[in-house]
Amino acid sequence: RIRWGSFSDRGFLMLPLCTIYGFCILAVYLLIGTPRGGRLRTLFLQA
């Protein structure tokens, strides 16, 4: 709206959702976890 001055429904099908963001946050959480509690946890503990 700000960039092009008109409304455009950016959602998926009829829902107000951009599911790529939801899938990506779940992928980040499931693949690498949180910074201190995920895959890097042992390195943080060693540090």
ModelCIF file with pLDDT and N, C-alpha, C, O atoms, coordinates in Angstrom:
data_MODEL
#
_entry.id   MODEL 
#
_entity.id                         1 
_entity.type                       polymer 
_entity.pdbx_number_of_molecules   1 
#
_entity_poly.entity_id                      1 
_entity_poly.type                           'polypeptide(L)' 
_entity_poly.nstd_linkage                   no 
_entity_poly.nstd_monomer                   no 
_entity_poly.pdbx_seq_one_letter_code       RIRWGSFSDRGFLMLPLCTIYGFCILAVYLLIGTPRGGRLRTLFLQA 
_entity_poly.pdbx_seq_one_letter_code_can   RIRWGSFSDRGFLMLPLCTIYGFCILAVYLLIGTPRGGRLRTLFLQA 
_entity_poly.pdbx_strand_id                 A 
#
loop_
_entity_poly_seq.entity_id 
_entity_poly_seq.num 
_entity_poly_seq.mon_id 
_entity_poly_seq.hetero 
1 1  ARG n 
1 2  ILE n 
1 3  ARG n 
1 4  TRP n 
1 5  GLY n 
1 6  SER n 
1 7  PHE n 
1 8  SER n 
1 9  ASP n 
1 10 ARG n 
1 11 GLY n 
1 12 PHE n 
1 13 LEU n 
1 14 MET n 
1 15 LEU n 
1 16 PRO n 
1 17 LEU n 
1 18 CYS n 
1 19 THR n 
1 20 ILE n 
1 21 TYR n 
1 22 GLY n 
1 23 PHE n 
1 24 CYS n 
1 25 ILE n 
1 26 LEU n 
1 27 ALA n 
1 28 VAL n 
1 29 TYR n 
1 30 LEU n 
1 31 LEU n 
1 32 ILE n 
1 33 GLY n 
1 34 THR n 
1 35 PRO n 
1 36 ARG n 
1 37 GLY n 
1 38 GLY n 
1 39 ARG n 
1 40 LEU n 
1 41 ARG n 
1 42 THR n 
1 43 LEU n 
1 44 PHE n 
1 45 LEU n 
1 46 GLN n 
1 47 ALA n 
#
_struct_asym.id          A 
_struct_asym.entity_id   1 
#
loop_
_ma_qa_metric.id 
_ma_qa_metric.mode 
_ma_qa_metric.name 
_ma_qa_metric.software_group_id 
_ma_qa_metric.type 
1 global pLDDT . pLDDT 
2 local  pLDDT . pLDDT 
#
_ma_qa_metric_global.metric_id      1 
_ma_qa_metric_global.metric_value   86.34 
_ma_qa_metric_global.model_id       1 
_ma_qa_metric_global.ordinal_id     1 
#
loop_
_ma_qa_metric_local.label_asym_id 
_ma_qa_metric_local.label_comp_id 
_ma_qa_metric_local.label_seq_id 
_ma_qa_metric_local.metric_id 
_ma_qa_metric_local.metric_value 
_ma_qa_metric_local.model_id 
_ma_qa_metric_local.ordinal_id 
A ARG 1  2 89.00 1 1  
A ILE 2  2 92.00 1 2  
A ARG 3  2 89.00 1 3  
A TRP 4  2 85.00 1 4  
A GLY 5  2 85.00 1 5  
A SER 6  2 81.00 1 6  
A PHE 7  2 79.00 1 7  
A SER 8  2 75.00 1 8  
A ASP 9  2 73.00 1 9  
A ARG 10 2 71.00 1 10 
A GLY 11 2 67.00 1 11 
A PHE 12 2 67.00 1 12 
A LEU 13 2 67.00 1 13 
A MET 14 2 74.00 1 14 
A LEU 15 2 81.00 1 15 
A PRO 16 2 87.00 1 16 
A LEU 17 2 88.00 1 17 
A CYS 18 2 88.00 1 18 
A THR 19 2 89.00 1 19 
A ILE 20 2 91.00 1 20 
A TYR 21 2 92.00 1 21 
A GLY 22 2 93.00 1 22 
A PHE 23 2 94.00 1 23 
A CYS 24 2 95.00 1 24 
A ILE 25 2 94.00 1 25 
A LEU 26 2 95.00 1 26 
A ALA 27 2 94.00 1 27 
A VAL 28 2 94.00 1 28 
A TYR 29 2 92.00 1 29 
A LEU 30 2 91.00 1 30 
A LEU 31 2 92.00 1 31 
A ILE 32 2 92.00 1 32 
A GLY 33 2 90.00 1 33 
A THR 34 2 88.00 1 34 
A PRO 35 2 87.00 1 35 
A ARG 36 2 80.00 1 36 
A GLY 37 2 84.00 1 37 
A GLY 38 2 86.00 1 38 
A ARG 39 2 88.00 1 39 
A LEU 40 2 87.00 1 40 
A ARG 41 2 89.00 1 41 
A THR 42 2 90.00 1 42 
A LEU 43 2 90.00 1 43 
A PHE 44 2 90.00 1 44 
A LEU 45 2 90.00 1 45 
A GLN 46 2 92.00 1 46 
A ALA 47 2 91.00 1 47 
#
loop_
_atom_site.group_PDB 
_atom_site.id 
_atom_site.type_symbol 
_atom_site.label_atom_id 
_atom_site.label_alt_id 
_atom_site.label_comp_id 
_atom_site.label_asym_id 
_atom_site.label_entity_id 
_atom_site.label_seq_id 
_atom_site.pdbx_PDB_ins_code 
_atom_site.Cartn_x 
_atom_site.Cartn_y 
_atom_site.Cartn_z 
_atom_site.occupancy 
_atom_site.B_iso_or_equiv 
_atom_site.pdbx_formal_charge 
_atom_site.auth_seq_id 
_atom_site.auth_comp_id 
_atom_site.auth_asym_id 
_atom_site.auth_atom_id 
_atom_site.pdbx_PDB_model_num 
ATOM 1   N N  . ARG A 1 1  ? 0.831  -1.207  0.000  1.00 89.00 ? 1  ARG A N  1 
ATOM 2   C CA . ARG A 1 1  ? 0.000  0.000   0.000  1.00 89.00 ? 1  ARG A CA 1 
ATOM 3   C C  . ARG A 1 1  ? 0.866  1.259   0.000  1.00 89.00 ? 1  ARG A C  1 
ATOM 4   O O  . ARG A 1 1  ? 0.590  2.203   -0.739 1.00 89.00 ? 1  ARG A O  1 
ATOM 5   N N  . ILE A 1 2  ? 1.915  1.272   0.830  1.00 92.00 ? 2  ILE A N  1 
ATOM 6   C CA . ILE A 1 2  ? 2.797  2.443   0.898  1.00 92.00 ? 2  ILE A CA 1 
ATOM 7   C C  . ILE A 1 2  ? 3.610  2.574   -0.382 1.00 92.00 ? 2  ILE A C  1 
ATOM 8   O O  . ILE A 1 2  ? 3.739  3.673   -0.923 1.00 92.00 ? 2  ILE A O  1 
ATOM 9   N N  . ARG A 1 3  ? 4.155  1.476   -0.867 1.00 89.00 ? 3  ARG A N  1 
ATOM 10  C CA . ARG A 1 3  ? 5.066  1.507   -2.011 1.00 89.00 ? 3  ARG A CA 1 
ATOM 11  C C  . ARG A 1 3  ? 4.349  1.805   -3.329 1.00 89.00 ? 3  ARG A C  1 
ATOM 12  O O  . ARG A 1 3  ? 4.826  2.619   -4.121 1.00 89.00 ? 3  ARG A O  1 
ATOM 13  N N  . TRP A 1 4  ? 3.206  1.151   -3.571 1.00 85.00 ? 4  TRP A N  1 
ATOM 14  C CA . TRP A 1 4  ? 2.533  1.308   -4.856 1.00 85.00 ? 4  TRP A CA 1 
ATOM 15  C C  . TRP A 1 4  ? 1.212  2.056   -4.760 1.00 85.00 ? 4  TRP A C  1 
ATOM 16  O O  . TRP A 1 4  ? 0.586  2.318   -5.787 1.00 85.00 ? 4  TRP A O  1 
ATOM 17  N N  . GLY A 1 5  ? 0.776  2.403   -3.569 1.00 85.00 ? 5  GLY A N  1 
ATOM 18  C CA . GLY A 1 5  ? -0.393 3.258   -3.411 1.00 85.00 ? 5  GLY A CA 1 
ATOM 19  C C  . GLY A 1 5  ? -1.737 2.598   -3.641 1.00 85.00 ? 5  GLY A C  1 
ATOM 20  O O  . GLY A 1 5  ? -2.750 3.291   -3.738 1.00 85.00 ? 5  GLY A O  1 
ATOM 21  N N  . SER A 1 6  ? -1.772 1.286   -3.729 1.00 81.00 ? 6  SER A N  1 
ATOM 22  C CA . SER A 1 6  ? -3.060 0.613   -3.902 1.00 81.00 ? 6  SER A CA 1 
ATOM 23  C C  . SER A 1 6  ? -3.101 -0.637  -3.033 1.00 81.00 ? 6  SER A C  1 
ATOM 24  O O  . SER A 1 6  ? -2.069 -1.179  -2.637 1.00 81.00 ? 6  SER A O  1 
ATOM 25  N N  . PHE A 1 7  ? -4.324 -1.076  -2.749 1.00 79.00 ? 7  PHE A N  1 
ATOM 26  C CA . PHE A 1 7  ? -4.491 -2.271  -1.923 1.00 79.00 ? 7  PHE A CA 1 
ATOM 27  C C  . PHE A 1 7  ? -4.382 -3.518  -2.788 1.00 79.00 ? 7  PHE A C  1 
ATOM 28  O O  . PHE A 1 7  ? -4.968 -3.601  -3.868 1.00 79.00 ? 7  PHE A O  1 
ATOM 29  N N  . SER A 1 8  ? -3.632 -4.468  -2.299 1.00 75.00 ? 8  SER A N  1 
ATOM 30  C CA . SER A 1 8  ? -3.526 -5.756  -2.966 1.00 75.00 ? 8  SER A CA 1 
ATOM 31  C C  . SER A 1 8  ? -3.531 -6.830  -1.888 1.00 75.00 ? 8  SER A C  1 
ATOM 32  O O  . SER A 1 8  ? -2.720 -6.802  -0.962 1.00 75.00 ? 8  SER A O  1 
ATOM 33  N N  . ASP A 1 9  ? -4.454 -7.777  -2.022 1.00 73.00 ? 9  ASP A N  1 
ATOM 34  C CA . ASP A 1 9  ? -4.518 -8.865  -1.050 1.00 73.00 ? 9  ASP A CA 1 
ATOM 35  C C  . ASP A 1 9  ? -3.320 -9.771  -1.287 1.00 73.00 ? 9  ASP A C  1 
ATOM 36  O O  . ASP A 1 9  ? -3.235 -10.443 -2.315 1.00 73.00 ? 9  ASP A O  1 
ATOM 37  N N  . ARG A 1 10 ? -2.410 -9.788  -0.350 1.00 71.00 ? 10 ARG A N  1 
ATOM 38  C CA . ARG A 1 10 ? -1.181 -10.558 -0.484 1.00 71.00 ? 10 ARG A CA 1 
ATOM 39  C C  . ARG A 1 10 ? -1.321 -11.958 0.088  1.00 71.00 ? 10 ARG A C  1 
ATOM 40  O O  . ARG A 1 10 ? -0.335 -12.685 0.206  1.00 71.00 ? 10 ARG A O  1 
ATOM 41  N N  . GLY A 1 11 ? -2.547 -12.342 0.444  1.00 67.00 ? 11 GLY A N  1 
ATOM 42  C CA . GLY A 1 11 ? -2.772 -13.607 1.123  1.00 67.00 ? 11 GLY A CA 1 
ATOM 43  C C  . GLY A 1 11 ? -2.790 -14.811 0.207  1.00 67.00 ? 11 GLY A C  1 
ATOM 44  O O  . GLY A 1 11 ? -2.688 -14.704 -1.015 1.00 67.00 ? 11 GLY A O  1 
ATOM 45  N N  . PHE A 1 12 ? -2.923 -15.950 0.842  1.00 67.00 ? 12 PHE A N  1 
ATOM 46  C CA . PHE A 1 12 ? -2.961 -17.234 0.158  1.00 67.00 ? 12 PHE A CA 1 
ATOM 47  C C  . PHE A 1 12 ? -4.414 -17.657 0.046  1.00 67.00 ? 12 PHE A C  1 
ATOM 48  O O  . PHE A 1 12 ? -5.090 -17.835 1.060  1.00 67.00 ? 12 PHE A O  1 
ATOM 49  N N  . LEU A 1 13 ? -4.898 -17.818 -1.172 1.00 67.00 ? 13 LEU A N  1 
ATOM 50  C CA . LEU A 1 13 ? -6.302 -18.128 -1.437 1.00 67.00 ? 13 LEU A CA 1 
ATOM 51  C C  . LEU A 1 13 ? -7.172 -17.015 -0.857 1.00 67.00 ? 13 LEU A C  1 
ATOM 52  O O  . LEU A 1 13 ? -7.006 -15.855 -1.233 1.00 67.00 ? 13 LEU A O  1 
ATOM 53  N N  . MET A 1 14 ? -8.095 -17.339 0.050  1.00 74.00 ? 14 MET A N  1 
ATOM 54  C CA . MET A 1 14 ? -9.006 -16.315 0.579  1.00 74.00 ? 14 MET A CA 1 
ATOM 55  C C  . MET A 1 14 ? -8.659 -15.890 2.006  1.00 74.00 ? 14 MET A C  1 
ATOM 56  O O  . MET A 1 14 ? -9.378 -15.086 2.601  1.00 74.00 ? 14 MET A O  1 
ATOM 57  N N  . LEU A 1 15 ? -7.580 -16.414 2.555  1.00 81.00 ? 15 LEU A N  1 
ATOM 58  C CA . LEU A 1 15 ? -7.223 -16.117 3.939  1.00 81.00 ? 15 LEU A CA 1 
ATOM 59  C C  . LEU A 1 15 ? -6.214 -14.976 4.020  1.00 81.00 ? 15 LEU A C  1 
ATOM 60  O O  . LEU A 1 15 ? -5.404 -14.796 3.110  1.00 81.00 ? 15 LEU A O  1 
ATOM 61  N N  . PRO A 1 16 ? -6.258 -14.208 5.104  1.00 87.00 ? 16 PRO A N  1 
ATOM 62  C CA . PRO A 1 16 ? -5.235 -13.169 5.280  1.00 87.00 ? 16 PRO A CA 1 
ATOM 63  C C  . PRO A 1 16 ? -3.959 -13.773 5.871  1.00 87.00 ? 16 PRO A C  1 
ATOM 64  O O  . PRO A 1 16 ? -3.553 -13.418 6.978  1.00 87.00 ? 16 PRO A O  1 
ATOM 65  N N  . LEU A 1 17 ? -3.339 -14.676 5.137  1.00 88.00 ? 17 LEU A N  1 
ATOM 66  C CA . LEU A 1 17 ? -2.123 -15.346 5.591  1.00 88.00 ? 17 LEU A CA 1 
ATOM 67  C C  . LEU A 1 17 ? -1.118 -15.422 4.453  1.00 88.00 ? 17 LEU A C  1 
ATOM 68  O O  . LEU A 1 17 ? -1.481 -15.709 3.312  1.00 88.00 ? 17 LEU A O  1 
ATOM 69  N N  . CYS A 1 18 ? 0.131  -15.168 4.762  1.00 88.00 ? 18 CYS A N  1 
ATOM 70  C CA . CYS A 1 18 ? 1.240  -15.469 3.852  1.00 88.00 ? 18 CYS A CA 1 
ATOM 71  C C  . CYS A 1 18 ? 1.948  -16.666 4.475  1.00 88.00 ? 18 CYS A C  1 
ATOM 72  O O  . CYS A 1 18 ? 2.812  -16.518 5.339  1.00 88.00 ? 18 CYS A O  1 
ATOM 73  N N  . THR A 1 19 ? 1.568  -17.839 4.024  1.00 89.00 ? 19 THR A N  1 
ATOM 74  C CA . THR A 1 19 ? 2.001  -19.068 4.689  1.00 89.00 ? 19 THR A CA 1 
ATOM 75  C C  . THR A 1 19 ? 3.495  -19.333 4.574  1.00 89.00 ? 19 THR A C  1 
ATOM 76  O O  . THR A 1 19 ? 4.039  -20.114 5.355  1.00 89.00 ? 19 THR A O  1 
ATOM 77  N N  . ILE A 1 20 ? 4.160  -18.709 3.629  1.00 91.00 ? 20 ILE A N  1 
ATOM 78  C CA . ILE A 1 20 ? 5.599  -18.926 3.497  1.00 91.00 ? 20 ILE A CA 1 
ATOM 79  C C  . ILE A 1 20 ? 6.309  -18.486 4.774  1.00 91.00 ? 20 ILE A C  1 
ATOM 80  O O  . ILE A 1 20 ? 7.291  -19.107 5.181  1.00 91.00 ? 20 ILE A O  1 
ATOM 81  N N  . TYR A 1 21 ? 5.818  -17.414 5.414  1.00 92.00 ? 21 TYR A N  1 
ATOM 82  C CA . TYR A 1 21 ? 6.431  -16.945 6.652  1.00 92.00 ? 21 TYR A CA 1 
ATOM 83  C C  . TYR A 1 21 ? 6.221  -17.943 7.779  1.00 92.00 ? 21 TYR A C  1 
ATOM 84  O O  . TYR A 1 21 ? 7.138  -18.207 8.557  1.00 92.00 ? 21 TYR A O  1 
ATOM 85  N N  . GLY A 1 22 ? 5.023  -18.495 7.871  1.00 93.00 ? 22 GLY A N  1 
ATOM 86  C CA . GLY A 1 22 ? 4.749  -19.491 8.898  1.00 93.00 ? 22 GLY A CA 1 
ATOM 87  C C  . GLY A 1 22 ? 5.582  -20.746 8.707  1.00 93.00 ? 22 GLY A C  1 
ATOM 88  O O  . GLY A 1 22 ? 6.142  -21.278 9.666  1.00 93.00 ? 22 GLY A O  1 
ATOM 89  N N  . PHE A 1 23 ? 5.665  -21.224 7.462  1.00 94.00 ? 23 PHE A N  1 
ATOM 90  C CA . PHE A 1 23 ? 6.483  -22.409 7.202  1.00 94.00 ? 23 PHE A CA 1 
ATOM 91  C C  . PHE A 1 23 ? 7.953  -22.151 7.501  1.00 94.00 ? 23 PHE A C  1 
ATOM 92  O O  . PHE A 1 23 ? 8.646  -23.020 8.030  1.00 94.00 ? 23 PHE A O  1 
ATOM 93  N N  . CYS A 1 24 ? 8.420  -20.972 7.166  1.00 95.00 ? 24 CYS A N  1 
ATOM 94  C CA . CYS A 1 24 ? 9.837  -20.660 7.395  1.00 95.00 ? 24 CYS A CA 1 
ATOM 95  C C  . CYS A 1 24 ? 10.165 -20.576 8.883  1.00 95.00 ? 24 CYS A C  1 
ATOM 96  O O  . CYS A 1 24 ? 11.214 -21.064 9.303  1.00 95.00 ? 24 CYS A O  1 
ATOM 97  N N  . ILE A 1 25 ? 9.295  -19.970 9.687  1.00 94.00 ? 25 ILE A N  1 
ATOM 98  C CA . ILE A 1 25 ? 9.592  -19.885 11.120 1.00 94.00 ? 25 ILE A CA 1 
ATOM 99  C C  . ILE A 1 25 ? 9.575  -21.270 11.742 1.00 94.00 ? 25 ILE A C  1 
ATOM 100 O O  . ILE A 1 25 ? 10.379 -21.562 12.627 1.00 94.00 ? 25 ILE A O  1 
ATOM 101 N N  . LEU A 1 26 ? 8.659  -22.133 11.286 1.00 95.00 ? 26 LEU A N  1 
ATOM 102 C CA . LEU A 1 26 ? 8.638  -23.504 11.796 1.00 95.00 ? 26 LEU A CA 1 
ATOM 103 C C  . LEU A 1 26 ? 9.874  -24.269 11.344 1.00 95.00 ? 26 LEU A C  1 
ATOM 104 O O  . LEU A 1 26 ? 10.435 -25.051 12.111 1.00 95.00 ? 26 LEU A O  1 
ATOM 105 N N  . ALA A 1 27 ? 10.299 -24.049 10.110 1.00 94.00 ? 27 ALA A N  1 
ATOM 106 C CA . ALA A 1 27 ? 11.504 -24.726 9.618  1.00 94.00 ? 27 ALA A CA 1 
ATOM 107 C C  . ALA A 1 27 ? 12.731 -24.295 10.403 1.00 94.00 ? 27 ALA A C  1 
ATOM 108 O O  . ALA A 1 27 ? 13.564 -25.127 10.762 1.00 94.00 ? 27 ALA A O  1 
ATOM 109 N N  . VAL A 1 28 ? 12.847 -23.005 10.669 1.00 94.00 ? 28 VAL A N  1 
ATOM 110 C CA . VAL A 1 28 ? 13.982 -22.515 11.460 1.00 94.00 ? 28 VAL A CA 1 
ATOM 111 C C  . VAL A 1 28 ? 13.950 -23.142 12.844 1.00 94.00 ? 28 VAL A C  1 
ATOM 112 O O  . VAL A 1 28 ? 14.974 -23.611 13.341 1.00 94.00 ? 28 VAL A O  1 
ATOM 113 N N  . TYR A 1 29 ? 12.779 -23.151 13.466 1.00 92.00 ? 29 TYR A N  1 
ATOM 114 C CA . TYR A 1 29 ? 12.692 -23.707 14.816 1.00 92.00 ? 29 TYR A CA 1 
ATOM 115 C C  . TYR A 1 29 ? 12.982 -25.207 14.822 1.00 92.00 ? 29 TYR A C  1 
ATOM 116 O O  . TYR A 1 29 ? 13.720 -25.690 15.681 1.00 92.00 ? 29 TYR A O  1 
ATOM 117 N N  . LEU A 1 30 ? 12.412 -25.946 13.877 1.00 91.00 ? 30 LEU A N  1 
ATOM 118 C CA . LEU A 1 30 ? 12.577 -27.398 13.880 1.00 91.00 ? 30 LEU A CA 1 
ATOM 119 C C  . LEU A 1 30 ? 13.966 -27.838 13.417 1.00 91.00 ? 30 LEU A C  1 
ATOM 120 O O  . LEU A 1 30 ? 14.458 -28.876 13.859 1.00 91.00 ? 30 LEU A O  1 
ATOM 121 N N  . LEU A 1 31 ? 14.606 -27.066 12.533 1.00 92.00 ? 31 LEU A N  1 
ATOM 122 C CA . LEU A 1 31 ? 15.922 -27.455 12.023 1.00 92.00 ? 31 LEU A CA 1 
ATOM 123 C C  . LEU A 1 31 ? 17.067 -27.005 12.921 1.00 92.00 ? 31 LEU A C  1 
ATOM 124 O O  . LEU A 1 31 ? 17.998 -27.772 13.171 1.00 92.00 ? 31 LEU A O  1 
ATOM 125 N N  . ILE A 1 32 ? 17.005 -25.760 13.412 1.00 92.00 ? 32 ILE A N  1 
ATOM 126 C CA . ILE A 1 32 ? 18.141 -25.283 14.208 1.00 92.00 ? 32 ILE A CA 1 
ATOM 127 C C  . ILE A 1 32 ? 17.757 -24.842 15.615 1.00 92.00 ? 32 ILE A C  1 
ATOM 128 O O  . ILE A 1 32 ? 18.638 -24.584 16.436 1.00 92.00 ? 32 ILE A O  1 
ATOM 129 N N  . GLY A 1 33 ? 16.464 -24.749 15.912 1.00 90.00 ? 33 GLY A N  1 
ATOM 130 C CA . GLY A 1 33 ? 16.033 -24.405 17.263 1.00 90.00 ? 33 GLY A CA 1 
ATOM 131 C C  . GLY A 1 33 ? 16.247 -22.944 17.596 1.00 90.00 ? 33 GLY A C  1 
ATOM 132 O O  . GLY A 1 33 ? 16.382 -22.097 16.713 1.00 90.00 ? 33 GLY A O  1 
ATOM 133 N N  . THR A 1 34 ? 16.275 -22.666 18.888 1.00 88.00 ? 34 THR A N  1 
ATOM 134 C CA . THR A 1 34 ? 16.533 -21.308 19.360 1.00 88.00 ? 34 THR A CA 1 
ATOM 135 C C  . THR A 1 34 ? 18.046 -21.136 19.509 1.00 88.00 ? 34 THR A C  1 
ATOM 136 O O  . THR A 1 34 ? 18.771 -22.130 19.535 1.00 88.00 ? 34 THR A O  1 
ATOM 137 N N  . PRO A 1 35 ? 18.534 -19.909 19.607 1.00 87.00 ? 35 PRO A N  1 
ATOM 138 C CA . PRO A 1 35 ? 19.986 -19.737 19.687 1.00 87.00 ? 35 PRO A CA 1 
ATOM 139 C C  . PRO A 1 35 ? 20.641 -20.504 20.841 1.00 87.00 ? 35 PRO A C  1 
ATOM 140 O O  . PRO A 1 35 ? 21.634 -21.200 20.627 1.00 87.00 ? 35 PRO A O  1 
ATOM 141 N N  . ARG A 1 36 ? 20.114 -20.390 22.035 1.00 80.00 ? 36 ARG A N  1 
ATOM 142 C CA . ARG A 1 36 ? 20.753 -21.032 23.191 1.00 80.00 ? 36 ARG A CA 1 
ATOM 143 C C  . ARG A 1 36 ? 20.207 -22.419 23.490 1.00 80.00 ? 36 ARG A C  1 
ATOM 144 O O  . ARG A 1 36 ? 20.815 -23.149 24.273 1.00 80.00 ? 36 ARG A O  1 
ATOM 145 N N  . GLY A 1 37 ? 19.089 -22.809 22.901 1.00 84.00 ? 37 GLY A N  1 
ATOM 146 C CA . GLY A 1 37 ? 18.507 -24.100 23.222 1.00 84.00 ? 37 GLY A CA 1 
ATOM 147 C C  . GLY A 1 37 ? 18.494 -25.077 22.062 1.00 84.00 ? 37 GLY A C  1 
ATOM 148 O O  . GLY A 1 37 ? 18.020 -26.202 22.213 1.00 84.00 ? 37 GLY A O  1 
ATOM 149 N N  . GLY A 1 38 ? 19.001 -24.676 20.919 1.00 86.00 ? 38 GLY A N  1 
ATOM 150 C CA . GLY A 1 38 ? 18.940 -25.530 19.748 1.00 86.00 ? 38 GLY A CA 1 
ATOM 151 C C  . GLY A 1 38 ? 20.249 -26.231 19.459 1.00 86.00 ? 38 GLY A C  1 
ATOM 152 O O  . GLY A 1 38 ? 20.932 -26.712 20.363 1.00 86.00 ? 38 GLY A O  1 
ATOM 153 N N  . ARG A 1 39 ? 20.583 -26.278 18.194 1.00 88.00 ? 39 ARG A N  1 
ATOM 154 C CA . ARG A 1 39 ? 21.773 -27.001 17.751 1.00 88.00 ? 39 ARG A CA 1 
ATOM 155 C C  . ARG A 1 39 ? 23.080 -26.383 18.256 1.00 88.00 ? 39 ARG A C  1 
ATOM 156 O O  . ARG A 1 39 ? 24.086 -27.084 18.361 1.00 88.00 ? 39 ARG A O  1 
ATOM 157 N N  . LEU A 1 40 ? 23.082 -25.099 18.565 1.00 87.00 ? 40 LEU A N  1 
ATOM 158 C CA . LEU A 1 40 ? 24.298 -24.423 19.034 1.00 87.00 ? 40 LEU A CA 1 
ATOM 159 C C  . LEU A 1 40 ? 24.442 -24.453 20.556 1.00 87.00 ? 40 LEU A C  1 
ATOM 160 O O  . LEU A 1 40 ? 25.364 -23.850 21.105 1.00 87.00 ? 40 LEU A O  1 
ATOM 161 N N  . ARG A 1 41 ? 23.547 -25.140 21.226 1.00 89.00 ? 41 ARG A N  1 
ATOM 162 C CA . ARG A 1 41 ? 23.537 -25.149 22.697 1.00 89.00 ? 41 ARG A CA 1 
ATOM 163 C C  . ARG A 1 41 ? 24.883 -25.587 23.277 1.00 89.00 ? 41 ARG A C  1 
ATOM 164 O O  . ARG A 1 41 ? 25.397 -24.952 24.198 1.00 89.00 ? 41 ARG A O  1 
ATOM 165 N N  . THR A 1 42 ? 25.452 -26.663 22.746 1.00 90.00 ? 42 THR A N  1 
ATOM 166 C CA . THR A 1 42 ? 26.721 -27.153 23.303 1.00 90.00 ? 42 THR A CA 1 
ATOM 167 C C  . THR A 1 42 ? 27.841 -26.135 23.110 1.00 90.00 ? 42 THR A C  1 
ATOM 168 O O  . THR A 1 42 ? 28.714 -26.001 23.967 1.00 90.00 ? 42 THR A O  1 
ATOM 169 N N  . LEU A 1 43 ? 27.819 -25.425 21.998 1.00 90.00 ? 43 LEU A N  1 
ATOM 170 C CA . LEU A 1 43 ? 28.842 -24.400 21.771 1.00 90.00 ? 43 LEU A CA 1 
ATOM 171 C C  . LEU A 1 43 ? 28.676 -23.229 22.737 1.00 90.00 ? 43 LEU A C  1 
ATOM 172 O O  . LEU A 1 43 ? 29.665 -22.683 23.226 1.00 90.00 ? 43 LEU A O  1 
ATOM 173 N N  . PHE A 1 44 ? 27.427 -22.841 23.016 1.00 90.00 ? 44 PHE A N  1 
ATOM 174 C CA . PHE A 1 44 ? 27.192 -21.780 24.008 1.00 90.00 ? 44 PHE A CA 1 
ATOM 175 C C  . PHE A 1 44 ? 27.658 -22.224 25.388 1.00 90.00 ? 44 PHE A C  1 
ATOM 176 O O  . PHE A 1 44 ? 28.220 -21.428 26.140 1.00 90.00 ? 44 PHE A O  1 
ATOM 177 N N  . LEU A 1 45 ? 27.428 -23.484 25.722 1.00 90.00 ? 45 LEU A N  1 
ATOM 178 C CA . LEU A 1 45 ? 27.876 -23.990 27.022 1.00 90.00 ? 45 LEU A CA 1 
ATOM 179 C C  . LEU A 1 45 ? 29.404 -24.019 27.108 1.00 90.00 ? 45 LEU A C  1 
ATOM 180 O O  . LEU A 1 45 ? 29.969 -23.717 28.159 1.00 90.00 ? 45 LEU A O  1 
ATOM 181 N N  . GLN A 1 46 ? 30.069 -24.378 26.019 1.00 92.00 ? 46 GLN A N  1 
ATOM 182 C CA . GLN A 1 46 ? 31.532 -24.367 26.004 1.00 92.00 ? 46 GLN A CA 1 
ATOM 183 C C  . GLN A 1 46 ? 32.070 -22.946 26.100 1.00 92.00 ? 46 GLN A C  1 
ATOM 184 O O  . GLN A 1 46 ? 33.108 -22.711 26.717 1.00 92.00 ? 46 GLN A O  1 
ATOM 185 N N  . ALA A 1 47 ? 31.369 -22.005 25.494 1.00 91.00 ? 47 ALA A N  1 
ATOM 186 C CA . ALA A 1 47 ? 31.820 -20.605 25.526 1.00 91.00 ? 47 ALA A CA 1 
ATOM 187 C C  . ALA A 1 47 ? 31.755 -20.031 26.932 1.00 91.00 ? 47 ALA A C  1 
ATOM 188 O O  . ALA A 1 47 ? 32.097 -18.867 27.140 1.00 91.00 ? 47 ALA A O  1 
#
